Protein backbone atom coordinates (compact mmCIF):
# COMPACT_ATOMS: atom_id res chain seq x y z
CA MET A 1 30.92 12.18 24.35
CA GLN A 2 27.82 11.78 22.17
CA GLN A 3 27.12 14.51 19.69
CA VAL A 4 23.68 14.05 18.30
CA ASP A 5 23.44 16.67 15.63
CA LYS A 6 25.57 19.47 14.37
CA GLN A 7 23.63 19.79 11.14
CA PRO A 8 21.37 22.80 10.49
CA MET A 9 18.92 20.72 8.45
CA PRO A 10 15.63 20.11 10.31
CA PRO A 11 15.13 16.55 11.62
CA ILE A 12 12.20 15.86 9.28
CA LEU A 13 14.37 16.67 6.26
CA ARG A 14 17.23 14.55 7.55
CA LEU A 15 14.71 11.75 7.98
CA ILE A 16 13.92 11.70 4.26
CA ARG A 17 17.55 12.40 3.21
CA PRO A 18 17.17 14.76 0.23
CA GLY A 19 20.95 14.68 -0.15
CA ASP A 20 20.63 11.04 -1.23
CA TRP A 21 18.26 11.88 -4.09
CA ILE A 22 21.32 12.13 -6.31
CA LYS A 23 21.25 8.32 -6.35
CA ASN A 24 18.13 8.52 -8.48
CA VAL A 25 20.08 10.10 -11.33
CA PHE A 26 20.12 6.56 -12.75
CA VAL A 27 16.47 7.18 -13.70
CA LEU A 28 17.73 9.77 -16.20
CA VAL A 29 20.45 7.58 -17.75
CA PRO A 30 18.17 6.21 -20.53
CA LEU A 31 17.14 9.76 -21.47
CA ILE A 32 20.75 10.99 -21.48
CA PHE A 33 21.84 8.24 -23.85
CA TRP A 34 18.66 8.27 -25.96
CA LEU A 35 18.66 11.97 -26.83
CA PRO A 36 21.90 12.05 -28.86
CA GLY A 37 21.05 8.74 -30.54
CA ALA A 38 17.52 7.77 -31.55
CA GLY A 39 16.22 11.03 -30.12
CA ARG A 40 18.12 13.22 -32.56
CA GLY A 41 15.88 15.57 -34.49
CA ILE A 42 12.80 14.65 -32.49
CA ASP A 43 9.86 17.03 -32.53
CA ASN A 44 9.99 19.63 -29.76
CA ALA A 45 6.55 18.69 -28.48
CA VAL A 46 7.55 15.04 -28.15
CA LEU A 47 10.83 16.02 -26.52
CA HIS A 48 8.98 18.19 -24.01
CA GLU A 49 6.65 15.29 -23.21
CA LYS A 50 9.57 12.92 -22.60
CA LEU A 51 11.40 15.43 -20.43
CA ILE A 52 8.32 15.81 -18.25
CA ALA A 53 7.89 12.03 -18.06
CA ALA A 54 11.53 11.53 -17.06
CA SER A 55 11.27 14.28 -14.45
CA LEU A 56 8.14 12.72 -12.95
CA ALA A 57 9.81 9.30 -12.85
CA PHE A 58 12.80 10.85 -11.11
CA ALA A 59 10.51 12.53 -8.58
CA ALA A 60 8.60 9.28 -8.01
CA PHE A 61 11.79 7.37 -7.17
CA CYS A 62 12.96 10.19 -4.90
CA LEU A 63 9.69 9.98 -2.99
CA ALA A 64 9.80 6.18 -2.87
CA ALA A 65 13.39 6.17 -1.63
CA SER A 66 12.67 8.82 0.99
CA GLY A 67 9.69 6.82 2.17
CA TRP A 68 11.89 3.85 2.82
CA TYR A 69 14.60 5.99 4.39
CA ALA A 70 12.05 7.04 6.99
CA ILE A 71 10.87 3.47 7.59
CA ASN A 72 14.47 2.23 7.65
CA ASP A 73 15.39 4.75 10.35
CA LEU A 74 12.44 3.49 12.37
CA LEU A 75 13.37 -0.19 11.97
CA ASP A 76 17.05 0.38 12.71
CA ALA A 77 16.71 2.95 15.49
CA ARG A 78 18.06 0.67 18.20
CA GLU A 79 21.09 -0.44 16.17
CA ASP A 80 21.74 3.07 14.86
CA SER A 81 21.82 4.44 18.41
CA GLN A 82 25.04 2.44 18.95
CA HIS A 83 26.70 3.59 15.72
CA PRO A 84 29.30 6.40 15.98
CA VAL A 85 27.69 8.35 13.11
CA LYS A 86 24.18 6.96 12.61
CA ARG A 87 23.23 7.63 16.23
CA GLY A 88 22.55 11.19 15.14
CA ARG A 89 19.74 10.10 12.83
CA PRO A 90 16.38 11.65 13.78
CA VAL A 91 14.65 8.53 15.11
CA ALA A 92 17.71 7.02 16.81
CA SER A 93 18.45 10.33 18.55
CA GLY A 94 14.84 10.83 19.63
CA GLN A 95 14.29 13.95 17.52
CA ILE A 96 11.53 12.26 15.52
CA LYS A 97 8.92 10.02 17.11
CA PRO A 98 8.56 6.48 15.66
CA MET A 99 4.93 7.07 14.66
CA THR A 100 5.91 10.26 12.84
CA ALA A 101 8.57 8.36 10.91
CA LEU A 102 6.09 5.61 10.04
CA CYS A 103 3.40 8.01 8.82
CA THR A 104 5.93 10.06 6.87
CA GLY A 105 7.32 6.98 5.16
CA LEU A 106 3.92 5.58 4.19
CA ALA A 107 2.72 8.97 2.94
CA LEU A 108 5.80 9.41 0.75
CA MET A 109 5.40 5.92 -0.72
CA ALA A 110 1.76 6.60 -1.55
CA LEU A 111 2.72 9.91 -3.14
CA ALA A 112 5.43 8.12 -5.15
CA LEU A 113 2.82 5.78 -6.63
CA ILE A 114 0.52 8.68 -7.46
CA VAL A 115 3.33 10.54 -9.25
CA ALA A 116 4.48 7.42 -11.12
CA GLY A 117 0.90 6.75 -12.16
CA GLN A 118 0.85 10.13 -13.88
CA VAL A 119 3.58 8.87 -16.22
CA ASN A 120 2.25 5.46 -17.25
CA ARG A 121 1.29 2.10 -15.77
CA ALA A 122 4.66 0.58 -16.56
CA SER A 123 6.47 3.21 -14.52
CA ALA A 124 4.07 2.72 -11.63
CA GLY A 125 4.69 -1.02 -11.85
CA VAL A 126 8.45 -0.53 -11.58
CA VAL A 127 8.02 1.78 -8.58
CA ILE A 128 5.86 -0.88 -6.93
CA ALA A 129 8.56 -3.48 -7.65
CA TYR A 130 11.14 -1.12 -6.15
CA LEU A 131 9.08 -0.65 -2.98
CA ILE A 132 8.63 -4.41 -2.61
CA LEU A 133 12.35 -4.95 -3.12
CA GLN A 134 13.12 -2.34 -0.46
CA ALA A 135 10.69 -4.04 1.91
CA ALA A 136 12.48 -7.36 1.41
CA TYR A 137 15.84 -5.67 1.90
CA ASN A 138 14.92 -3.81 5.07
CA LEU A 139 13.09 -6.77 6.62
CA GLY A 140 15.88 -9.30 6.20
CA LEU A 141 17.95 -9.33 3.02
CA LYS A 142 20.28 -6.61 4.32
CA ARG A 143 21.61 -9.09 6.86
CA LEU A 144 22.74 -11.64 4.27
CA ILE A 145 26.27 -11.44 2.90
CA PHE A 146 26.38 -10.70 -0.86
CA VAL A 147 22.57 -10.84 -1.09
CA ASP A 148 22.41 -7.41 0.55
CA ALA A 149 24.69 -5.81 -2.04
CA THR A 150 22.97 -7.62 -4.91
CA THR A 151 19.60 -6.33 -3.73
CA ILE A 152 20.92 -2.77 -3.62
CA ALA A 153 22.30 -3.09 -7.16
CA THR A 154 19.00 -4.52 -8.38
CA GLY A 155 17.23 -1.48 -6.95
CA PHE A 156 19.42 0.80 -9.04
CA CYS A 157 18.71 -1.29 -12.14
CA LEU A 158 15.00 -0.80 -11.46
CA ARG A 159 15.63 2.94 -11.43
CA ALA A 160 17.22 2.77 -14.88
CA ILE A 161 14.47 0.50 -16.21
CA GLY A 162 11.83 2.82 -14.76
CA GLY A 163 13.44 5.76 -16.51
CA ALA A 164 13.40 3.92 -19.83
CA LEU A 165 9.76 2.89 -19.46
CA ALA A 166 8.80 6.43 -18.51
CA ILE A 167 10.00 7.79 -21.85
CA ALA A 168 8.98 4.64 -23.77
CA VAL A 169 12.43 3.71 -25.09
CA SER A 170 14.42 0.50 -25.01
CA ILE A 171 17.47 0.19 -22.78
CA SER A 172 20.58 -1.77 -23.68
CA ILE A 173 21.39 -4.86 -21.63
CA TRP A 174 24.95 -3.55 -21.56
CA LEU A 175 23.77 -0.37 -19.89
CA ILE A 176 21.85 -2.40 -17.31
CA LEU A 177 24.98 -4.46 -16.63
CA CYS A 178 27.02 -1.27 -16.23
CA VAL A 179 24.53 0.05 -13.67
CA PHE A 180 24.37 -3.30 -11.87
CA PHE A 181 28.10 -3.83 -11.44
CA LEU A 182 28.80 -0.19 -10.64
CA THR A 183 26.23 -0.09 -7.87
CA LEU A 184 27.22 -3.58 -6.68
CA TYR A 185 30.76 -2.25 -6.33
CA LEU A 186 29.54 0.84 -4.48
CA ALA A 187 27.50 -1.37 -2.13
CA PHE A 188 30.64 -3.33 -1.27
CA ILE A 189 32.49 -0.03 -0.81
CA LYS A 190 29.83 0.94 1.74
CA ARG A 191 30.30 -2.38 3.54
CA GLN A 192 34.03 -1.74 3.72
CA CYS A 193 33.32 1.72 5.14
CA ASP A 194 31.04 0.11 7.73
CA LEU A 195 33.83 -2.27 8.76
CA ALA A 196 36.19 0.67 9.13
CA SER A 197 33.61 2.51 11.26
CA ALA A 198 33.16 -0.56 13.47
CA GLY A 199 36.92 -0.82 13.89
CA ARG A 200 37.25 2.81 14.94
CA ALA A 201 34.37 2.64 17.42
CA VAL A 202 36.19 0.57 20.05
CA ASN A 203 33.67 1.43 22.77
CA SER A 204 30.60 0.85 20.60
CA LYS A 205 28.45 -2.27 20.55
CA TRP A 206 27.44 -1.60 16.94
CA LYS A 207 28.35 -4.20 14.34
CA PRO A 208 27.67 -4.23 10.56
CA ARG A 209 24.36 -5.94 9.78
CA ALA A 210 25.71 -8.26 7.10
CA GLN A 211 28.71 -9.79 8.83
CA TYR A 212 31.49 -9.29 6.30
CA GLY A 213 33.94 -10.40 8.94
CA ASP A 214 36.48 -11.83 6.49
CA ALA A 215 38.44 -8.82 5.25
CA ALA A 216 40.06 -10.89 2.50
CA GLU A 217 36.66 -11.97 1.18
CA LEU A 218 35.35 -8.41 1.06
CA THR A 219 38.55 -7.25 -0.62
CA TRP A 220 38.05 -9.96 -3.25
CA LEU A 221 34.44 -8.89 -3.81
CA LEU A 222 35.56 -5.28 -4.18
CA SER A 223 38.26 -6.24 -6.67
CA VAL A 224 35.97 -8.39 -8.80
CA SER A 225 33.01 -5.99 -8.84
CA GLY A 226 35.28 -3.00 -9.46
CA GLY A 227 37.01 -4.76 -12.34
CA LEU A 228 33.68 -5.82 -13.84
CA THR A 229 32.44 -2.24 -13.59
CA VAL A 230 35.28 -0.99 -15.78
CA LEU A 231 35.01 -3.98 -18.12
CA MET A 232 31.24 -3.63 -18.61
CA TYR A 233 31.54 0.06 -19.37
CA LEU A 234 34.24 -0.61 -21.96
CA MET A 235 32.26 -3.49 -23.49
CA TYR A 236 29.17 -1.28 -23.70
CA THR A 237 31.03 1.45 -25.56
CA LEU A 238 32.46 -1.12 -27.99
CA SER A 239 29.21 -3.09 -28.40
CA ALA A 240 27.32 -3.30 -31.67
CA HIS A 241 24.38 -1.66 -29.90
CA ALA A 242 26.37 1.44 -28.97
CA GLN A 243 28.09 1.55 -32.36
CA GLY A 244 24.72 1.37 -34.10
CA ILE A 245 23.27 4.23 -32.06
CA PHE A 246 26.26 6.53 -31.64
CA GLY A 247 28.58 5.55 -34.49
CA GLY A 248 32.06 6.96 -33.97
CA ARG A 249 30.93 8.69 -30.80
CA ALA A 250 30.81 5.29 -29.08
CA LEU A 251 34.57 5.03 -29.44
CA GLY A 252 34.79 8.50 -27.95
CA LEU A 253 32.98 7.13 -24.92
CA ALA A 254 35.51 4.30 -24.80
CA LEU A 255 38.29 6.86 -24.51
CA LEU A 256 36.75 7.96 -21.21
CA THR A 257 37.46 4.55 -19.64
CA PRO A 258 40.58 5.78 -17.76
CA LEU A 259 38.35 8.22 -15.86
CA VAL A 260 36.10 5.33 -14.83
CA LEU A 261 39.17 3.44 -13.66
CA ILE A 262 40.37 6.43 -11.63
CA VAL A 263 37.02 6.75 -9.85
CA VAL A 264 36.85 3.02 -9.12
CA HIS A 265 40.37 3.05 -7.72
CA ARG A 266 39.84 6.14 -5.56
CA PHE A 267 36.66 4.69 -4.05
CA TYR A 268 38.58 1.51 -3.26
CA ARG A 269 41.56 3.32 -1.77
CA ARG A 270 39.51 5.61 0.47
CA ALA A 271 37.35 2.72 1.68
CA MET A 272 40.36 0.53 2.49
CA GLN A 273 42.05 3.39 4.35
CA GLY A 274 38.86 4.26 6.26
CA LEU A 275 38.84 7.81 4.91
CA SER A 276 35.14 7.92 3.96
CA ASP A 277 31.89 6.77 5.55
CA SER A 278 30.18 6.13 2.21
CA PRO A 279 30.62 6.58 -1.56
CA LEU A 280 28.72 9.88 -1.36
CA ASP A 281 31.08 11.04 1.36
CA ALA A 282 34.02 10.16 -0.91
CA ILE A 283 32.55 12.28 -3.70
CA ARG A 284 32.11 15.22 -1.35
CA SER A 285 35.50 14.95 0.37
CA ASP A 286 37.91 13.65 -2.28
CA PRO A 287 38.78 16.28 -4.92
CA ILE A 288 40.23 13.61 -7.21
CA VAL A 289 36.97 11.65 -7.23
CA ALA A 290 34.96 14.83 -7.78
CA ALA A 291 37.28 15.99 -10.57
CA ALA A 292 37.27 12.61 -12.32
CA LEU A 293 33.47 12.38 -12.14
CA GLY A 294 33.16 15.94 -13.41
CA ALA A 295 35.56 15.25 -16.25
CA PHE A 296 33.65 12.08 -17.13
CA GLY A 297 30.34 13.93 -17.20
CA LEU A 298 31.84 16.69 -19.32
CA GLY A 299 33.38 14.11 -21.62
CA VAL A 300 30.06 12.33 -22.12
CA TYR A 301 28.39 15.64 -22.91
CA LEU A 302 31.07 16.68 -25.41
CA VAL A 303 31.18 13.30 -27.14
CA LEU A 304 27.43 12.81 -27.40
CA TYR A 305 26.07 16.33 -27.74
CA VAL A 306 28.68 18.50 -29.49
CA PRO A 307 28.70 17.95 -33.29
CA ALA A 308 32.23 19.31 -33.69
CA ILE A 309 33.55 16.57 -31.40
CA GLU A 310 31.73 13.94 -33.44
CA ASP A 311 33.28 15.28 -36.65
CA ALA A 312 36.73 15.27 -35.06
CA LEU A 313 36.26 11.68 -33.91
CA ARG A 314 35.20 10.60 -37.39
CA GLN A 315 38.30 12.16 -38.91
CA ALA A 316 40.68 10.89 -36.25
CA LEU A 317 39.30 7.35 -36.34
CA LEU A 318 38.67 7.34 -40.10
CA ILE A 319 35.01 6.41 -39.66
């Protein structure tokens, strides 16, 4: 029996997926790590200006992403109609007309460029690069094994770079590598979830776009990208760049590595067991993932923003 939609959210909102805007938090990563470092003691007027710039950049990427969500639903409507979950999407289910999806997507992309242009030309340039990358992905790259996941990860790196350019600060190559390998890992997690969905839908003709048919190969990719995610985070916290900016607080960030490992492992376990449809679904449905992410966020805040924690780290580590 086909159940098109049990969700109270109007079809037009589901078309642009506001719930996925959380992915654009990577735009704010440069600001989060700049404030307790080079941004310490900055004039309030300058701080206010940078906060507005970061917020506009975040909004621009939300609009750009939503624009492509709408176009993507239009392009994939036929395939999505055969998927056990995606068949409830607005275009695939017939709740939104194709022309409406097209006009909505193009309008949101144009609005994204207008908003990004209010920040600076560099930010607008990155948003344009992001839109072009998404066009390449949706028109063909998403069907190529490994290239699809790499393209997704590159898109998240563009978010982080756009956030840095918006507030006119440099971004560490280590931070870029952390973002790249984390999102590469999450892209492979999504592919594993897709395989699990295809396996459960015995009466469905739907198949994953990029044919990760070799389970052993995908498991290897998950293991390597997951391991590199943890390694890159640890190397970033121990790098000369982080030490120069944060001092002893960088080692405090290193102490949070076990939480990163827990999250990576839980994503892997849920994907392999077919318990989640996506990384976002794992965050919403797995209390361990949610708790570990919450503890990590709290830990970053305490280490970077609470002076008493910095003093305690200096004394404990004899810095």
